[in-house]
Protein backbone atom coordinates (compact mmCIF):
# COMPACT_ATOMS: atom_id res chain seq x y z
CA UNK A 1 -11.21 -62.12 69.25
CA UNK A 2 -12.39 -65.36 70.79
CA UNK A 3 -9.82 -68.13 71.24
CA UNK A 4 -10.49 -71.88 71.29
CA UNK A 5 -10.52 -73.25 74.80
CA UNK A 6 -7.53 -75.56 74.26
CA UNK A 7 -5.32 -72.94 72.60
CA UNK A 8 -4.08 -70.01 74.64
CA UNK A 9 -3.92 -66.43 73.46
CA UNK A 10 -0.16 -66.30 73.90
CA UNK A 11 0.32 -69.20 71.48
CA UNK A 12 -1.83 -67.42 68.93
CA UNK A 13 0.23 -64.25 69.32
CA UNK A 14 3.56 -66.01 69.01
CA UNK A 15 2.38 -67.84 65.88
CA UNK A 16 0.95 -64.59 64.51
CA UNK A 17 4.28 -62.77 64.81
CA UNK A 18 6.21 -65.69 63.34
CA UNK A 19 3.84 -66.03 60.38
CA UNK A 20 4.02 -62.30 59.72
CA UNK A 21 7.81 -62.45 59.81
CA UNK A 22 7.86 -65.32 57.33
CA UNK A 23 5.40 -63.65 54.95
CA UNK A 24 7.51 -60.48 54.88
CA UNK A 25 10.76 -62.39 54.58
CA UNK A 26 9.63 -64.65 51.75
CA UNK A 27 7.56 -62.03 49.89
CA UNK A 28 9.36 -58.67 50.03
CA UNK A 29 7.96 -55.74 48.09
CA UNK A 30 9.13 -55.81 44.50
CA UNK A 31 9.26 -53.15 41.82
CA UNK A 32 9.84 -54.23 38.22
CA UNK A 33 10.85 -57.65 39.49
CA UNK A 34 13.53 -56.28 41.79
CA UNK A 35 13.39 -56.29 45.58
CA UNK A 36 12.64 -52.81 46.85
CA UNK A 37 14.58 -51.57 49.86
CA UNK A 38 13.85 -48.02 50.96
CA UNK A 39 16.66 -46.61 53.10
CA UNK A 40 15.28 -44.51 55.95
CA UNK A 41 16.32 -40.89 55.40
CA UNK A 42 14.68 -39.02 58.28
CA UNK A 43 13.36 -39.74 61.77
CA UNK A 44 9.95 -38.78 63.16
CA UNK A 45 10.47 -37.50 66.70
CA UNK A 46 7.11 -38.94 67.78
CA UNK A 47 7.82 -42.56 66.77
CA UNK A 48 10.16 -44.77 68.84
CA UNK A 49 13.18 -46.10 67.00
CA UNK A 50 14.62 -49.58 66.48
CA UNK A 51 18.28 -49.60 65.57
CA UNK A 52 21.49 -51.68 65.51
CA UNK A 53 24.39 -50.67 67.72
CA UNK A 54 27.91 -51.88 68.53
CA UNK A 55 31.44 -50.52 68.66
CA UNK A 56 32.06 -48.14 65.74
CA UNK A 57 35.26 -50.00 64.82
CA UNK A 58 35.80 -53.76 64.64
CA UNK A 59 38.89 -55.81 63.79
CA UNK A 60 38.97 -58.06 60.73
CA UNK A 61 38.66 -61.72 61.68
CA UNK A 62 37.15 -60.99 65.10
CA UNK A 63 33.71 -61.74 66.53
CA UNK A 64 31.41 -59.00 67.78
CA UNK A 65 27.83 -58.70 69.00
CA UNK A 66 25.42 -56.35 67.28
CA UNK A 67 22.75 -55.05 69.65
CA UNK A 68 19.23 -54.41 68.35
CA UNK A 69 17.91 -51.61 70.54
CA UNK A 70 14.43 -50.11 70.83
CA UNK A 71 13.29 -46.76 72.14
CA UNK A 72 15.42 -43.99 73.62
CA UNK A 73 15.55 -41.72 76.65
CA UNK A 74 13.68 -38.97 74.80
CA UNK A 75 11.26 -41.30 73.00
CA UNK A 76 10.59 -44.51 74.98
CA UNK A 77 8.37 -47.31 73.73
CA UNK A 78 5.16 -48.36 75.46
CA UNK A 79 3.71 -51.86 75.95
CA UNK A 80 5.99 -53.79 73.57
CA UNK A 81 5.17 -57.50 73.51
CA UNK A 82 6.81 -58.86 70.35
CA UNK A 83 8.77 -57.81 67.25
CA UNK A 84 9.78 -59.40 63.97
CA UNK A 85 12.07 -57.81 61.36
CA UNK A 86 14.66 -58.32 58.65
CA UNK A 87 18.24 -57.16 59.21
CA UNK A 88 20.16 -56.43 56.01
CA UNK A 89 23.97 -56.46 56.09
CA UNK A 90 26.94 -57.10 53.77
CA UNK A 91 27.64 -60.83 53.76
CA UNK A 92 30.74 -60.27 51.62
CA UNK A 93 32.59 -59.16 54.73
CA UNK A 94 30.44 -60.54 57.56
CA UNK A 95 29.15 -63.95 58.57
CA UNK A 96 27.04 -65.10 61.48
CA UNK A 97 28.77 -66.91 64.30
CA UNK A 98 28.31 -70.66 64.47
CA UNK A 99 26.38 -72.67 65.45
CA UNK A 100 23.64 -70.59 63.83
CA UNK A 101 21.10 -71.19 66.58
CA UNK A 102 23.46 -69.39 68.98
CA UNK A 103 23.81 -66.33 66.75
CA UNK A 104 20.70 -64.59 68.10
CA UNK A 105 20.42 -63.99 71.84
CA UNK A 106 17.74 -62.16 73.80
CA UNK A 107 18.55 -58.84 75.39
CA UNK A 108 17.12 -57.79 78.73
CA UNK A 109 14.42 -55.43 77.46
CA UNK A 110 11.52 -57.90 77.18
CA UNK A 111 12.27 -59.56 80.50
CA UNK A 112 13.62 -62.85 81.80
CA UNK A 113 14.78 -65.50 79.35
CA UNK A 114 12.15 -67.90 80.72
CA UNK A 115 9.42 -65.49 79.51
CA UNK A 116 10.80 -65.04 75.98
CA UNK A 117 10.59 -67.01 72.74
CA UNK A 118 12.98 -66.33 69.84
CA UNK A 119 12.58 -67.58 66.30
CA UNK A 120 15.96 -68.92 65.12
CA UNK A 121 17.47 -66.71 62.39
CA UNK A 122 16.49 -67.41 58.80
CA UNK A 123 19.08 -66.36 56.23
CA UNK A 124 18.42 -65.29 52.67
CA UNK A 125 21.34 -63.63 50.88
CA UNK A 126 22.30 -60.47 52.75
CA UNK A 127 19.25 -60.59 55.03
CA UNK A 128 18.59 -62.17 58.40
CA UNK A 129 15.01 -62.55 59.61
CA UNK A 130 14.00 -63.28 63.18
CA UNK A 131 11.28 -62.63 65.74
CA UNK A 132 11.15 -62.27 69.51
CA UNK A 133 8.08 -62.23 71.78
CA UNK A 134 7.12 -62.51 75.40
CA UNK A 135 5.15 -65.61 76.28
CA UNK A 136 3.19 -64.06 79.14
CA UNK A 137 0.36 -61.94 77.69
CA UNK A 138 -0.34 -60.32 81.05
CA UNK A 139 2.71 -58.08 80.79
CA UNK A 140 4.77 -56.09 78.29
CA UNK A 141 7.86 -53.89 78.22
CA UNK A 142 8.16 -50.12 78.47
CA UNK A 143 11.03 -47.68 78.05
CA UNK A 144 14.15 -48.45 76.06
CA UNK A 145 16.88 -51.08 75.95
CA UNK A 146 18.44 -54.03 74.19
CA UNK A 147 15.92 -56.23 72.40
CA UNK A 148 18.33 -58.75 70.83
CA UNK A 149 22.02 -59.40 70.31
CA UNK A 150 23.23 -60.90 67.03
CA UNK A 151 26.69 -62.45 66.77
CA UNK A 152 28.83 -61.70 63.72
CA UNK A 153 32.39 -62.37 62.67
CA UNK A 154 34.14 -60.14 60.19
CA UNK A 155 36.15 -62.01 57.58
CA UNK A 156 39.93 -61.98 57.81
CA UNK A 157 40.13 -60.94 54.15
CA UNK A 158 38.21 -57.70 54.75
CA UNK A 159 40.23 -54.75 53.36
CA UNK A 160 41.37 -52.17 55.87
CA UNK A 161 38.90 -49.37 56.69
CA UNK A 162 35.94 -51.16 55.06
CA UNK A 163 32.56 -49.65 55.95
CA UNK A 164 29.76 -52.13 56.64
CA UNK A 165 26.19 -50.94 57.27
CA UNK A 166 23.17 -52.56 58.91
CA UNK A 167 19.56 -51.65 58.12
CA UNK A 168 16.28 -52.96 59.51
CA UNK A 169 13.20 -53.55 57.34
CA UNK A 170 9.76 -55.21 57.44
CA UNK A 171 9.17 -54.46 61.11
CA UNK A 172 6.09 -55.95 62.77
CA UNK A 173 5.62 -54.99 66.43
CA UNK A 174 2.60 -55.49 68.69
CA UNK A 175 1.45 -55.13 72.25
CA UNK A 176 -0.09 -58.04 74.18
CA UNK A 177 -3.58 -57.15 72.87
CA UNK A 178 -2.47 -57.53 69.23
CA UNK A 179 -2.45 -53.78 68.65
CA UNK A 180 0.30 -52.73 66.23
CA UNK A 181 3.16 -50.57 67.50
CA UNK A 182 4.88 -48.23 65.09
CA UNK A 183 8.68 -48.41 65.14
CA UNK A 184 10.99 -46.51 62.81
CA UNK A 185 14.34 -48.01 61.84
CA UNK A 186 17.62 -46.15 62.03
CA UNK A 187 20.59 -47.54 60.05
CA UNK A 188 24.02 -48.00 61.57
CA UNK A 189 27.50 -48.43 60.08
CA UNK A 190 30.81 -49.72 61.40
CA UNK A 191 34.38 -49.62 60.11
CA UNK A 192 36.33 -52.87 59.90
CA UNK A 193 40.06 -52.42 60.35
CA UNK A 194 42.84 -54.90 59.91
CA UNK A 195 44.84 -55.28 63.12
CA UNK A 196 48.26 -53.65 63.12
CA UNK A 197 51.15 -56.05 62.90
CA UNK A 198 52.92 -58.46 60.56
CA UNK A 199 50.81 -61.54 60.01
CA UNK A 200 50.39 -64.37 59.44
CA UNK A 201 53.76 -65.61 60.56
CA UNK A 202 54.57 -68.21 59.42
CA UNK A 203 52.69 -67.97 56.12
CA UNK A 204 51.99 -70.65 53.50
CA UNK A 205 51.98 -69.37 49.88
CA UNK A 206 50.48 -72.51 48.30
CA UNK A 207 47.50 -70.77 46.61
CA UNK A 208 44.87 -72.49 48.74
CA UNK A 209 43.32 -69.16 49.73
CA UNK A 210 44.54 -69.30 53.32
CA UNK A 211 47.61 -67.46 54.63
CA UNK A 212 49.03 -67.20 51.10
CA UNK A 213 50.78 -63.91 51.80
CA UNK A 214 52.09 -61.97 54.74
CA UNK A 215 50.74 -58.49 55.36
CA UNK A 216 52.87 -55.70 56.82
CA UNK A 217 50.11 -53.60 58.36
CA UNK A 218 51.99 -50.89 60.23
CA UNK A 219 50.74 -47.33 60.82
CA UNK A 220 54.01 -45.78 59.63
CA UNK A 221 53.78 -47.53 56.26
CA UNK A 222 50.12 -46.62 55.85
CA UNK A 223 50.54 -42.97 56.81
CA UNK A 224 53.92 -41.98 55.32
CA UNK A 225 55.03 -44.90 53.12
CA UNK A 226 58.34 -46.70 53.35
CA UNK A 227 60.31 -49.68 52.14
CA UNK A 228 60.43 -53.34 53.20
CA UNK A 229 63.59 -55.31 52.47
CA UNK A 230 63.59 -59.09 52.80
CA UNK A 231 66.79 -61.14 53.13
CA UNK A 232 67.66 -64.81 53.34
CA UNK A 233 69.69 -66.13 56.28
CA UNK A 234 72.94 -65.47 54.39
CA UNK A 235 72.15 -61.79 54.12
CA UNK A 236 71.21 -61.77 50.43
CA UNK A 237 68.35 -59.42 49.62
CA UNK A 238 65.63 -61.42 47.86
CA UNK A 239 62.81 -58.88 47.68
CA UNK A 240 62.13 -55.18 48.13
CA UNK A 241 58.58 -53.88 48.59
CA UNK A 242 57.70 -50.19 48.29
CA UNK A 243 53.92 -50.33 48.02
CA UNK A 244 51.07 -52.69 48.78
CA UNK A 245 52.81 -54.02 51.92
CA UNK A 246 52.21 -57.67 51.01
CA UNK A 247 54.65 -60.50 50.26
CA UNK A 248 53.71 -63.79 48.66
CA UNK A 249 57.04 -65.58 49.06
CA UNK A 250 58.53 -64.73 45.65
CA UNK A 251 61.73 -62.97 44.65
CA UNK A 252 62.05 -59.85 42.49
CA UNK A 253 61.47 -61.90 39.31
CA UNK A 254 58.35 -63.59 40.66
CA UNK A 255 60.04 -66.93 41.30
CA UNK A 256 58.94 -68.96 44.33
CA UNK A 257 61.50 -68.87 47.11
CA UNK A 258 62.27 -72.06 49.05
CA UNK A 259 60.72 -72.62 52.46
CA UNK A 260 62.69 -71.40 55.43
CA UNK A 261 63.31 -68.40 57.65
CA UNK A 262 63.70 -64.92 56.15
CA UNK A 263 64.68 -61.60 57.66
CA UNK A 264 62.80 -58.34 57.10
CA UNK A 265 63.85 -54.75 57.69
CA UNK A 266 61.25 -51.97 57.48
CA UNK A 267 62.13 -48.29 57.13
CA UNK A 268 59.99 -45.18 56.75
CA UNK A 269 61.35 -41.75 55.83
CA UNK A 270 64.88 -43.04 56.38
CA UNK A 271 64.18 -44.32 59.89
CA UNK A 272 64.19 -47.93 61.03
CA UNK A 273 60.65 -48.93 62.06
CA UNK A 274 61.18 -52.59 62.92
CA UNK A 275 62.95 -55.76 61.91
CA UNK A 276 62.43 -59.46 62.52
CA UNK A 277 62.04 -62.90 60.99
CA UNK A 278 59.35 -64.58 58.87
CA UNK A 279 58.65 -68.27 58.42
CA UNK A 280 57.83 -69.38 54.87
CA UNK A 281 56.21 -72.82 54.73
CA UNK A 282 55.29 -74.72 51.55
């Protein structure tokens, strides 16, 4: 292909990858009017992989970085210059870190940051689309490693032991001569766990959707059950909880209790697990 004198080949290639990414992102395959997503069910040993990776367990409400890796020790990739793709995830329990332009960071596989261009993430429902290329057409990357890192935060409201999966679709990869490179995606799942403890403390049961109830997330309660008794400062029992391990600041009849400090005692199988105080703020 012959390029105009005033426009370099690298600019053409960068624009090519970005336009391909956009066309795939805005016009996904559809069957009977519905978007078609084919989950990868088997891997071809002769084709390098592209796959998400991070710690298998993450805490609710915490940030984590999802690595997008390419190649492997047994099946390295040759002459990779640029890649675009869509990453599908469950936005019910995950959100990208803010500001959005900081959510996608280059890994070290394609080289120095000064030689790399990243398309800022484009979000559509449960899908994130982005592209990354080298800007120097005289070189490319070989082997395996981290292509990108994408920052997520799991929502505090995520139920304990929630599984969240990531899948990659609409992959376009090329070498510096515009030749396509075949990459096969491999899905990846994590488990989001709520951190052990009694939180939030204090809590504010005013039905605004934030800190409306306190959660008693203790391994003994989860594994063997137990009982939580809540008292006012005069020693009067105001609530007893034997399942669910949540308290919204009401008494046994469902009446709102006044703000103040309350005592809790937690037992499991007849043994004292812990005790302490809670602040109720209205």
